[in-house]
N, C-alpha and C. Protein backbone atom coordinates (compact mmCIF):
# COMPACT_ATOMS: atom_id res chain seq x y z
N UNK A 1 84.24 -16.37 70.18
CA UNK A 1 85.40 -15.55 70.41
C UNK A 1 85.04 -14.53 71.50
N UNK A 2 85.87 -14.40 72.49
CA UNK A 2 85.58 -13.49 73.60
C UNK A 2 86.23 -12.12 73.35
N UNK A 3 85.60 -11.12 73.94
CA UNK A 3 86.13 -9.76 73.82
C UNK A 3 87.30 -9.58 74.77
N UNK A 4 88.26 -8.77 74.36
CA UNK A 4 89.36 -8.48 75.29
C UNK A 4 88.85 -7.58 76.41
N UNK A 5 89.35 -7.80 77.59
CA UNK A 5 88.91 -6.97 78.72
C UNK A 5 89.60 -5.61 78.65
N UNK A 6 88.82 -4.55 78.80
CA UNK A 6 89.42 -3.22 78.75
C UNK A 6 90.28 -2.98 79.98
N UNK A 7 91.33 -2.19 79.82
CA UNK A 7 92.19 -1.93 80.97
C UNK A 7 91.44 -1.10 82.02
N UNK A 8 91.69 -1.36 83.26
CA UNK A 8 91.06 -0.59 84.32
C UNK A 8 92.08 0.42 84.87
N UNK A 9 91.60 1.61 85.10
CA UNK A 9 92.46 2.67 85.60
C UNK A 9 91.98 3.08 86.98
N UNK A 10 92.91 3.39 87.85
CA UNK A 10 92.57 3.89 89.17
C UNK A 10 93.00 5.35 89.24
N UNK A 11 92.04 6.17 89.63
CA UNK A 11 92.34 7.60 89.78
C UNK A 11 92.98 7.82 91.13
N UNK A 12 94.17 8.39 91.08
CA UNK A 12 94.90 8.60 92.34
C UNK A 12 94.96 10.08 92.71
N UNK A 13 94.77 10.94 91.72
CA UNK A 13 94.85 12.37 91.97
C UNK A 13 93.47 12.98 91.71
N UNK A 14 92.57 12.84 92.67
CA UNK A 14 91.19 13.28 92.49
C UNK A 14 91.06 14.78 92.27
N UNK A 15 91.78 15.65 92.97
CA UNK A 15 91.62 17.09 92.70
C UNK A 15 91.96 17.47 91.26
N UNK A 16 93.03 16.92 90.72
CA UNK A 16 93.40 17.21 89.33
C UNK A 16 92.38 16.62 88.35
N UNK A 17 91.88 15.43 88.65
CA UNK A 17 90.88 14.79 87.81
C UNK A 17 89.59 15.62 87.79
N UNK A 18 89.18 16.07 88.96
CA UNK A 18 87.97 16.88 89.07
C UNK A 18 88.13 18.20 88.31
N UNK A 19 89.28 18.83 88.43
CA UNK A 19 89.53 20.09 87.73
C UNK A 19 89.53 19.88 86.22
N UNK A 20 90.08 18.77 85.76
CA UNK A 20 90.08 18.47 84.32
C UNK A 20 88.66 18.27 83.81
N UNK A 21 87.81 17.62 84.60
CA UNK A 21 86.42 17.44 84.19
C UNK A 21 85.69 18.78 84.11
N UNK A 22 85.96 19.68 85.05
CA UNK A 22 85.33 20.99 85.01
C UNK A 22 85.80 21.80 83.81
N UNK A 23 87.05 21.65 83.42
CA UNK A 23 87.58 22.40 82.28
C UNK A 23 86.95 21.95 80.96
N UNK A 24 86.47 20.71 80.90
CA UNK A 24 85.83 20.23 79.68
C UNK A 24 84.57 21.01 79.38
N UNK A 25 83.90 21.51 80.41
CA UNK A 25 82.67 22.26 80.21
C UNK A 25 82.89 23.74 79.97
N UNK A 26 84.13 24.17 79.91
CA UNK A 26 84.43 25.58 79.72
C UNK A 26 84.28 25.96 78.26
N UNK A 27 83.67 27.11 78.02
CA UNK A 27 83.46 27.60 76.67
C UNK A 27 83.91 29.05 76.60
N UNK A 28 84.77 29.35 75.66
CA UNK A 28 85.24 30.71 75.48
C UNK A 28 84.97 31.12 74.03
N UNK A 29 84.30 32.25 73.87
CA UNK A 29 84.02 32.79 72.53
C UNK A 29 84.53 34.23 72.53
N UNK A 30 85.36 34.56 71.57
CA UNK A 30 85.90 35.92 71.46
C UNK A 30 85.16 36.66 70.37
N UNK A 31 84.75 37.88 70.67
CA UNK A 31 84.19 38.79 69.68
C UNK A 31 85.14 39.97 69.57
N UNK A 32 85.56 40.25 68.36
CA UNK A 32 86.45 41.39 68.12
C UNK A 32 85.62 42.66 68.12
N UNK A 33 85.86 43.58 69.06
CA UNK A 33 85.05 44.81 69.09
C UNK A 33 85.21 45.67 67.84
N UNK A 34 86.28 45.45 67.08
CA UNK A 34 86.50 46.24 65.87
C UNK A 34 85.80 45.64 64.65
N UNK A 35 85.18 44.47 64.82
CA UNK A 35 84.49 43.83 63.70
C UNK A 35 83.29 44.68 63.28
N UNK A 36 83.11 44.82 61.98
CA UNK A 36 82.00 45.61 61.45
C UNK A 36 80.79 44.70 61.35
N UNK A 37 79.79 44.97 62.18
CA UNK A 37 78.58 44.13 62.20
C UNK A 37 77.58 44.62 61.16
N UNK A 38 77.51 45.94 60.98
CA UNK A 38 76.61 46.54 59.99
C UNK A 38 77.48 47.03 58.84
N UNK A 39 77.21 46.58 57.61
CA UNK A 39 78.07 46.98 56.49
C UNK A 39 77.81 48.43 56.08
N UNK A 40 78.79 49.04 55.43
CA UNK A 40 78.59 50.40 54.93
C UNK A 40 77.58 50.39 53.78
N UNK A 41 76.92 51.52 53.51
CA UNK A 41 75.95 51.57 52.40
C UNK A 41 76.63 51.27 51.06
N UNK A 42 75.90 50.58 50.21
CA UNK A 42 76.48 50.19 48.92
C UNK A 42 76.35 51.28 47.87
N UNK A 43 75.39 52.20 48.03
CA UNK A 43 75.19 53.25 47.04
C UNK A 43 74.30 52.79 45.90
N UNK A 44 73.80 51.56 45.95
CA UNK A 44 72.93 51.04 44.91
C UNK A 44 71.48 51.20 45.33
N UNK A 45 70.58 51.08 44.36
CA UNK A 45 69.17 51.16 44.66
C UNK A 45 68.72 49.88 45.38
N UNK A 46 67.65 50.02 46.12
CA UNK A 46 67.10 48.86 46.81
C UNK A 46 67.51 48.84 48.27
N UNK A 47 67.05 47.81 48.93
CA UNK A 47 67.32 47.70 50.36
C UNK A 47 68.80 47.43 50.61
N UNK A 48 69.34 48.12 51.58
CA UNK A 48 70.75 47.94 51.92
C UNK A 48 70.90 46.68 52.77
N UNK A 49 72.06 46.02 52.70
CA UNK A 49 72.28 44.84 53.54
C UNK A 49 72.22 45.23 55.02
N UNK A 50 71.61 44.36 55.82
CA UNK A 50 71.45 44.66 57.25
C UNK A 50 72.66 44.20 58.06
N UNK A 51 73.32 43.11 57.63
CA UNK A 51 74.45 42.56 58.36
C UNK A 51 75.63 42.37 57.41
N UNK A 52 76.83 42.48 57.94
CA UNK A 52 78.02 42.28 57.12
C UNK A 52 78.23 40.79 56.87
N UNK A 53 79.09 40.49 55.92
CA UNK A 53 79.39 39.08 55.62
C UNK A 53 80.03 38.40 56.82
N UNK A 54 80.86 39.13 57.57
CA UNK A 54 81.50 38.55 58.76
C UNK A 54 80.46 38.20 59.82
N UNK A 55 79.44 39.05 59.98
CA UNK A 55 78.39 38.77 60.97
C UNK A 55 77.60 37.54 60.57
N UNK A 56 77.27 37.42 59.30
CA UNK A 56 76.52 36.26 58.82
C UNK A 56 77.34 34.99 58.98
N UNK A 57 78.63 35.05 58.65
CA UNK A 57 79.49 33.89 58.78
C UNK A 57 79.63 33.48 60.25
N UNK A 58 79.69 34.44 61.16
CA UNK A 58 79.78 34.14 62.59
C UNK A 58 78.54 33.39 63.04
N UNK A 59 77.37 33.88 62.65
CA UNK A 59 76.12 33.24 63.05
C UNK A 59 75.99 31.85 62.46
N UNK A 60 76.34 31.69 61.21
CA UNK A 60 76.23 30.36 60.59
C UNK A 60 77.23 29.38 61.19
N UNK A 61 78.40 29.86 61.60
CA UNK A 61 79.36 28.99 62.27
C UNK A 61 78.80 28.50 63.59
N UNK A 62 78.19 29.40 64.37
CA UNK A 62 77.57 29.01 65.64
C UNK A 62 76.45 28.01 65.40
N UNK A 63 75.68 28.23 64.34
CA UNK A 63 74.56 27.34 64.01
C UNK A 63 75.05 25.92 63.77
N UNK A 64 76.08 25.78 62.96
CA UNK A 64 76.60 24.45 62.64
C UNK A 64 77.32 23.84 63.84
N UNK A 65 78.07 24.66 64.56
CA UNK A 65 78.84 24.18 65.70
C UNK A 65 77.95 23.59 66.78
N UNK A 66 76.84 24.26 67.09
CA UNK A 66 75.97 23.80 68.16
C UNK A 66 74.73 23.07 67.68
N UNK A 67 74.56 22.93 66.36
CA UNK A 67 73.44 22.17 65.81
C UNK A 67 72.09 22.79 66.12
N UNK A 68 71.99 24.10 65.98
CA UNK A 68 70.75 24.80 66.30
C UNK A 68 70.03 25.22 65.03
N UNK A 69 68.73 25.51 65.18
CA UNK A 69 67.98 26.11 64.09
C UNK A 69 68.38 27.57 63.96
N UNK A 70 68.02 28.19 62.84
CA UNK A 70 68.47 29.56 62.59
C UNK A 70 67.90 30.55 63.60
N UNK A 71 66.62 30.40 63.98
CA UNK A 71 66.04 31.31 64.96
C UNK A 71 66.70 31.14 66.33
N UNK A 72 67.02 29.91 66.68
CA UNK A 72 67.72 29.67 67.94
C UNK A 72 69.10 30.31 67.91
N UNK A 73 69.76 30.20 66.78
CA UNK A 73 71.09 30.78 66.63
C UNK A 73 71.05 32.30 66.76
N UNK A 74 70.03 32.91 66.18
CA UNK A 74 69.88 34.36 66.27
C UNK A 74 69.75 34.79 67.73
N UNK A 75 68.89 34.11 68.47
CA UNK A 75 68.72 34.44 69.89
C UNK A 75 69.98 34.18 70.69
N UNK A 76 70.68 33.10 70.36
CA UNK A 76 71.91 32.75 71.06
C UNK A 76 72.98 33.82 70.85
N UNK A 77 73.17 34.25 69.60
CA UNK A 77 74.19 35.26 69.30
C UNK A 77 73.80 36.60 69.92
N UNK A 78 72.50 36.95 69.88
CA UNK A 78 72.06 38.19 70.51
C UNK A 78 72.34 38.18 72.02
N UNK A 79 72.09 37.05 72.66
CA UNK A 79 72.35 36.97 74.10
C UNK A 79 73.84 37.04 74.40
N UNK A 80 74.67 36.44 73.55
CA UNK A 80 76.12 36.53 73.74
C UNK A 80 76.59 37.98 73.61
N UNK A 81 76.06 38.68 72.63
CA UNK A 81 76.46 40.08 72.43
C UNK A 81 76.02 40.95 73.61
N UNK A 82 74.83 40.65 74.17
CA UNK A 82 74.39 41.39 75.36
C UNK A 82 75.30 41.10 76.55
N UNK A 83 75.70 39.84 76.72
CA UNK A 83 76.59 39.47 77.82
C UNK A 83 77.94 40.19 77.71
N UNK A 84 78.44 40.30 76.49
CA UNK A 84 79.73 40.92 76.27
C UNK A 84 79.63 42.45 76.38
N UNK A 85 78.44 42.97 76.16
CA UNK A 85 78.25 44.42 76.23
C UNK A 85 78.47 45.12 74.92
N UNK A 86 78.39 44.38 73.82
CA UNK A 86 78.55 44.99 72.49
C UNK A 86 77.18 45.33 71.93
N UNK A 87 77.01 46.54 71.45
CA UNK A 87 75.73 46.99 70.92
C UNK A 87 75.81 47.01 69.40
N UNK A 88 75.84 45.84 68.83
CA UNK A 88 75.88 45.75 67.36
C UNK A 88 74.47 45.68 66.85
């Protein structure tokens, strides 16, 4: 049994095709400046939490999304925050 031949396409609009290919590599990440990165003190004994639940969830989402190890994710998120100019 033979395989069906795939359809062949001819690109006629190269500028639009090239622009579409460049847009595929575009990455936009929004950080809300009002997000609380460091949680308020709990008032309990012992060490206080260093990061808020939202900060941890953000980092773990990046980890899963890009398939990185946790240390790589930490460096990645720190570099993104430096690029954005947020001092969390």
